Amino acid sequence: MKYFFFTIQKTPKRNEFTTEEVLPILHAHTAYFKKLGAEGICVMAGPFKNQTDNELGAGCYVLAAESEEEARKLADADPFCVHRIYDYKVWEWTKVVPEQSAVSS
């Protein structure tokens, strides 16, 4: 299993939506990552604190996947990305802590 670190940020299209129009998409986005978390795919996710430039700003998440292609497909299914109001950058990430325990046979 590999890990992929994503940052998300607004696209110019976000400015075409009112806050009221974005809120249902935000709730779908949050539900999507909670579902991935329950499935063990999303290791962590959340917004950055103290964002003063916009009300619904940038964030990050870490996904566990077999490949970058698989991780990107999961990210592309994020309702924020589906509506093209947010985009992402991705890096393969090496998880050091916590260490995985060895499986004994």
N, C-alpha and C. Protein backbone atom coordinates (compact mmCIF):
# COMPACT_ATOMS: atom_id res chain seq x y z
N MET A 1 0.84 -1.18 0.00
CA MET A 1 0.00 0.00 0.00
C MET A 1 0.88 1.24 0.00
N LYS A 2 0.50 2.22 -0.80
CA LYS A 2 1.21 3.49 -0.88
C LYS A 2 0.30 4.58 -0.30
N TYR A 3 0.91 5.71 0.04
CA TYR A 3 0.15 6.83 0.58
C TYR A 3 0.38 8.05 -0.31
N PHE A 4 -0.69 8.85 -0.48
CA PHE A 4 -0.64 10.02 -1.33
C PHE A 4 -1.21 11.22 -0.58
N PHE A 5 -0.42 12.30 -0.54
CA PHE A 5 -0.79 13.53 0.15
C PHE A 5 -1.33 14.51 -0.87
N PHE A 6 -2.52 15.00 -0.62
CA PHE A 6 -3.20 15.93 -1.53
C PHE A 6 -3.42 17.27 -0.83
N THR A 7 -3.23 18.34 -1.56
CA THR A 7 -3.73 19.64 -1.13
C THR A 7 -4.80 20.05 -2.12
N ILE A 8 -5.83 20.70 -1.61
CA ILE A 8 -6.89 21.19 -2.50
C ILE A 8 -6.98 22.70 -2.33
N GLN A 9 -7.34 23.35 -3.43
CA GLN A 9 -7.48 24.80 -3.42
C GLN A 9 -8.55 25.21 -4.42
N LYS A 10 -9.12 26.38 -4.17
CA LYS A 10 -10.18 26.89 -5.03
C LYS A 10 -9.70 27.08 -6.46
N THR A 11 -10.60 26.88 -7.39
CA THR A 11 -10.37 27.24 -8.78
C THR A 11 -11.11 28.56 -9.04
N PRO A 12 -10.83 29.23 -10.14
CA PRO A 12 -11.59 30.44 -10.46
C PRO A 12 -13.10 30.19 -10.57
N LYS A 13 -13.50 28.98 -10.94
CA LYS A 13 -14.93 28.66 -11.06
C LYS A 13 -15.65 28.78 -9.72
N ARG A 14 -14.92 28.61 -8.61
CA ARG A 14 -15.54 28.71 -7.27
C ARG A 14 -16.22 30.06 -7.10
N ASN A 15 -15.65 31.11 -7.68
CA ASN A 15 -16.20 32.46 -7.54
C ASN A 15 -17.54 32.63 -8.25
N GLU A 16 -17.91 31.67 -9.10
CA GLU A 16 -19.20 31.73 -9.79
C GLU A 16 -20.33 31.21 -8.93
N PHE A 17 -20.01 30.61 -7.76
CA PHE A 17 -21.00 30.00 -6.88
C PHE A 17 -21.16 30.85 -5.62
N THR A 18 -22.39 30.99 -5.16
CA THR A 18 -22.62 31.64 -3.88
C THR A 18 -22.31 30.63 -2.76
N THR A 19 -22.18 31.15 -1.56
CA THR A 19 -21.97 30.26 -0.41
C THR A 19 -23.13 29.28 -0.29
N GLU A 20 -24.34 29.74 -0.51
CA GLU A 20 -25.52 28.86 -0.42
C GLU A 20 -25.46 27.74 -1.46
N GLU A 21 -24.92 28.03 -2.62
CA GLU A 21 -24.79 26.99 -3.66
C GLU A 21 -23.66 26.02 -3.33
N VAL A 22 -22.64 26.50 -2.64
CA VAL A 22 -21.49 25.64 -2.32
C VAL A 22 -21.75 24.74 -1.12
N LEU A 23 -22.60 25.18 -0.19
CA LEU A 23 -22.80 24.40 1.04
C LEU A 23 -23.21 22.94 0.79
N PRO A 24 -24.16 22.65 -0.11
CA PRO A 24 -24.49 21.24 -0.36
C PRO A 24 -23.30 20.45 -0.93
N ILE A 25 -22.49 21.12 -1.74
CA ILE A 25 -21.31 20.46 -2.30
C ILE A 25 -20.30 20.21 -1.18
N LEU A 26 -20.15 21.16 -0.28
CA LEU A 26 -19.27 20.99 0.88
C LEU A 26 -19.72 19.81 1.72
N HIS A 27 -21.02 19.69 1.97
CA HIS A 27 -21.52 18.56 2.77
C HIS A 27 -21.28 17.23 2.06
N ALA A 28 -21.45 17.21 0.75
CA ALA A 28 -21.17 15.99 -0.02
C ALA A 28 -19.68 15.66 0.02
N HIS A 29 -18.83 16.68 -0.08
CA HIS A 29 -17.38 16.52 0.01
C HIS A 29 -17.00 15.90 1.36
N THR A 30 -17.54 16.45 2.43
CA THR A 30 -17.24 15.94 3.78
C THR A 30 -17.74 14.51 3.93
N ALA A 31 -18.93 14.22 3.48
CA ALA A 31 -19.48 12.86 3.57
C ALA A 31 -18.63 11.87 2.76
N TYR A 32 -18.16 12.30 1.61
CA TYR A 32 -17.33 11.43 0.76
C TYR A 32 -16.06 11.02 1.51
N PHE A 33 -15.39 11.99 2.14
CA PHE A 33 -14.15 11.66 2.83
C PHE A 33 -14.40 10.90 4.12
N LYS A 34 -15.52 11.13 4.78
CA LYS A 34 -15.86 10.32 5.95
C LYS A 34 -16.09 8.86 5.55
N LYS A 35 -16.73 8.66 4.39
CA LYS A 35 -16.95 7.30 3.88
C LYS A 35 -15.61 6.65 3.56
N LEU A 36 -14.72 7.38 2.87
CA LEU A 36 -13.40 6.83 2.57
C LEU A 36 -12.62 6.54 3.86
N GLY A 37 -12.81 7.37 4.87
CA GLY A 37 -12.17 7.14 6.16
C GLY A 37 -12.67 5.87 6.81
N ALA A 38 -13.97 5.65 6.79
CA ALA A 38 -14.56 4.44 7.37
C ALA A 38 -14.08 3.18 6.64
N GLU A 39 -13.75 3.33 5.35
CA GLU A 39 -13.25 2.21 4.55
C GLU A 39 -11.74 2.03 4.69
N GLY A 40 -11.08 2.91 5.45
CA GLY A 40 -9.63 2.82 5.63
C GLY A 40 -8.82 3.38 4.47
N ILE A 41 -9.48 4.06 3.56
CA ILE A 41 -8.80 4.63 2.38
C ILE A 41 -8.28 6.03 2.67
N CYS A 42 -9.08 6.83 3.36
CA CYS A 42 -8.65 8.18 3.73
C CYS A 42 -8.04 8.10 5.13
N VAL A 43 -6.75 8.35 5.21
CA VAL A 43 -6.02 8.25 6.48
C VAL A 43 -6.30 9.47 7.35
N MET A 44 -6.37 10.66 6.73
CA MET A 44 -6.72 11.89 7.42
C MET A 44 -7.14 12.92 6.39
N ALA A 45 -7.96 13.88 6.86
CA ALA A 45 -8.42 14.94 5.96
C ALA A 45 -8.91 16.12 6.79
N GLY A 46 -8.81 17.30 6.22
CA GLY A 46 -9.36 18.47 6.89
C GLY A 46 -8.89 19.76 6.28
N PRO A 47 -9.56 20.86 6.66
CA PRO A 47 -9.20 22.18 6.15
C PRO A 47 -8.02 22.76 6.92
N PHE A 48 -7.32 23.68 6.29
CA PHE A 48 -6.28 24.43 6.98
C PHE A 48 -6.96 25.46 7.89
N LYS A 49 -6.38 25.72 9.03
CA LYS A 49 -6.92 26.70 9.99
C LYS A 49 -6.54 28.12 9.58
N ASN A 50 -7.24 29.08 10.17
CA ASN A 50 -6.92 30.50 10.05
C ASN A 50 -6.84 31.00 8.61
N GLN A 51 -7.78 30.60 7.81
CA GLN A 51 -7.83 31.08 6.43
C GLN A 51 -8.62 32.38 6.40
N THR A 52 -7.99 33.43 6.00
CA THR A 52 -8.67 34.72 6.01
C THR A 52 -9.08 35.17 4.62
N ASP A 53 -8.59 34.52 3.56
CA ASP A 53 -8.89 35.00 2.22
C ASP A 53 -10.21 34.49 1.66
N ASN A 54 -10.78 33.46 2.28
CA ASN A 54 -12.08 32.99 1.80
C ASN A 54 -12.76 32.16 2.88
N GLU A 55 -14.07 32.05 2.75
CA GLU A 55 -14.86 31.36 3.76
C GLU A 55 -14.71 29.84 3.69
N LEU A 56 -14.64 29.30 2.50
CA LEU A 56 -14.51 27.86 2.32
C LEU A 56 -13.20 27.61 1.58
N GLY A 57 -12.11 27.53 2.32
CA GLY A 57 -10.78 27.55 1.73
C GLY A 57 -10.15 26.21 1.46
N ALA A 58 -8.86 26.20 1.49
CA ALA A 58 -8.06 25.04 1.11
C ALA A 58 -7.92 24.03 2.25
N GLY A 59 -7.53 22.81 1.89
CA GLY A 59 -7.31 21.76 2.88
C GLY A 59 -6.39 20.70 2.33
N CYS A 60 -6.29 19.60 3.06
CA CYS A 60 -5.44 18.50 2.61
C CYS A 60 -6.02 17.18 3.06
N TYR A 61 -5.55 16.10 2.44
CA TYR A 61 -5.92 14.75 2.86
C TYR A 61 -4.85 13.77 2.40
N VAL A 62 -4.83 12.63 3.07
CA VAL A 62 -3.91 11.54 2.73
C VAL A 62 -4.76 10.32 2.40
N LEU A 63 -4.50 9.74 1.23
CA LEU A 63 -5.21 8.54 0.80
C LEU A 63 -4.26 7.36 0.72
N ALA A 64 -4.75 6.20 1.07
CA ALA A 64 -4.02 4.94 0.90
C ALA A 64 -4.53 4.30 -0.38
N ALA A 65 -3.61 3.98 -1.29
CA ALA A 65 -4.00 3.40 -2.58
C ALA A 65 -2.84 2.58 -3.12
N GLU A 66 -3.15 1.74 -4.08
CA GLU A 66 -2.11 0.90 -4.69
C GLU A 66 -1.24 1.68 -5.67
N SER A 67 -1.80 2.75 -6.24
CA SER A 67 -1.05 3.51 -7.25
C SER A 67 -1.51 4.97 -7.24
N GLU A 68 -0.70 5.83 -7.84
CA GLU A 68 -1.09 7.23 -7.97
C GLU A 68 -2.34 7.35 -8.83
N GLU A 69 -2.44 6.53 -9.86
CA GLU A 69 -3.63 6.56 -10.72
C GLU A 69 -4.89 6.28 -9.91
N GLU A 70 -4.84 5.25 -9.05
CA GLU A 70 -5.99 4.92 -8.21
C GLU A 70 -6.30 6.08 -7.26
N ALA A 71 -5.28 6.68 -6.66
CA ALA A 71 -5.48 7.80 -5.75
C ALA A 71 -6.09 8.99 -6.48
N ARG A 72 -5.62 9.26 -7.69
CA ARG A 72 -6.18 10.38 -8.47
C ARG A 72 -7.64 10.12 -8.84
N LYS A 73 -8.00 8.89 -9.13
CA LYS A 73 -9.40 8.57 -9.42
C LYS A 73 -10.28 8.86 -8.21
N LEU A 74 -9.78 8.52 -7.02
CA LEU A 74 -10.52 8.82 -5.80
C LEU A 74 -10.66 10.33 -5.61
N ALA A 75 -9.58 11.06 -5.85
CA ALA A 75 -9.61 12.52 -5.71
C ALA A 75 -10.55 13.14 -6.74
N ASP A 76 -10.53 12.64 -7.96
CA ASP A 76 -11.40 13.17 -9.01
C ASP A 76 -12.88 12.98 -8.68
N ALA A 77 -13.19 11.98 -7.84
CA ALA A 77 -14.58 11.72 -7.45
C ALA A 77 -15.04 12.61 -6.29
N ASP A 78 -14.13 13.38 -5.70
CA ASP A 78 -14.49 14.35 -4.66
C ASP A 78 -15.50 15.32 -5.26
N PRO A 79 -16.64 15.54 -4.61
CA PRO A 79 -17.63 16.48 -5.16
C PRO A 79 -17.07 17.86 -5.48
N PHE A 80 -16.09 18.34 -4.72
CA PHE A 80 -15.46 19.62 -5.06
C PHE A 80 -14.81 19.56 -6.44
N CYS A 81 -14.16 18.44 -6.74
CA CYS A 81 -13.50 18.29 -8.05
C CYS A 81 -14.51 17.99 -9.15
N VAL A 82 -15.53 17.23 -8.83
CA VAL A 82 -16.57 16.93 -9.81
C VAL A 82 -17.20 18.23 -10.32
N HIS A 83 -17.44 19.17 -9.41
CA HIS A 83 -18.03 20.46 -9.78
C HIS A 83 -16.99 21.47 -10.26
N ARG A 84 -15.73 21.06 -10.25
CA ARG A 84 -14.59 21.87 -10.73
C ARG A 84 -14.44 23.20 -9.98
N ILE A 85 -14.87 23.20 -8.71
CA ILE A 85 -14.69 24.42 -7.93
C ILE A 85 -13.42 24.35 -7.08
N TYR A 86 -12.84 23.17 -6.99
CA TYR A 86 -11.55 22.97 -6.34
C TYR A 86 -10.72 22.05 -7.21
N ASP A 87 -9.42 22.19 -7.09
CA ASP A 87 -8.48 21.32 -7.78
C ASP A 87 -7.47 20.84 -6.75
N TYR A 88 -6.63 19.90 -7.12
CA TYR A 88 -5.68 19.35 -6.16
C TYR A 88 -4.29 19.23 -6.75
N LYS A 89 -3.34 19.12 -5.83
CA LYS A 89 -1.97 18.74 -6.14
C LYS A 89 -1.71 17.49 -5.33
N VAL A 90 -0.88 16.59 -5.86
CA VAL A 90 -0.67 15.32 -5.17
C VAL A 90 0.82 14.98 -5.13
N TRP A 91 1.23 14.38 -4.03
CA TRP A 91 2.58 13.87 -3.86
C TRP A 91 2.49 12.48 -3.25
N GLU A 92 3.33 11.57 -3.72
CA GLU A 92 3.42 10.29 -3.01
C GLU A 92 4.11 10.58 -1.69
N TRP A 93 3.61 9.96 -0.63
CA TRP A 93 4.03 10.29 0.73
C TRP A 93 4.53 9.02 1.41
N THR A 94 5.63 9.15 2.13
CA THR A 94 6.18 8.01 2.87
C THR A 94 5.73 8.11 4.32
N LYS A 95 4.92 7.18 4.74
CA LYS A 95 4.45 7.14 6.12
C LYS A 95 5.53 6.50 6.98
N VAL A 96 6.01 7.23 7.98
CA VAL A 96 7.05 6.73 8.87
C VAL A 96 6.46 6.40 10.24
N VAL A 97 5.57 7.24 10.73
CA VAL A 97 4.96 7.05 12.04
C VAL A 97 3.45 7.13 11.87
N PRO A 98 2.66 6.27 12.49
CA PRO A 98 3.15 5.14 13.27
C PRO A 98 3.65 4.01 12.38
N GLU A 99 4.60 3.29 12.92
CA GLU A 99 5.16 2.16 12.19
C GLU A 99 4.13 1.05 12.11
N GLN A 100 4.19 0.30 11.02
CA GLN A 100 3.31 -0.86 10.87
C GLN A 100 3.91 -2.01 11.65
N SER A 101 3.09 -2.72 12.39
CA SER A 101 3.62 -3.87 13.13
C SER A 101 3.83 -5.03 12.16
N ALA A 102 4.85 -5.80 12.44
CA ALA A 102 5.17 -6.96 11.59
C ALA A 102 4.13 -8.03 11.79
N VAL A 103 3.75 -8.68 10.70
CA VAL A 103 2.79 -9.76 10.76
C VAL A 103 3.55 -11.05 11.01
N SER A 104 3.18 -11.75 12.07
CA SER A 104 3.88 -13.01 12.36
C SER A 104 3.16 -14.16 11.71
N SER A 105 3.95 -15.17 11.29
CA SER A 105 3.33 -16.31 10.64
C SER A 105 3.38 -17.53 11.49
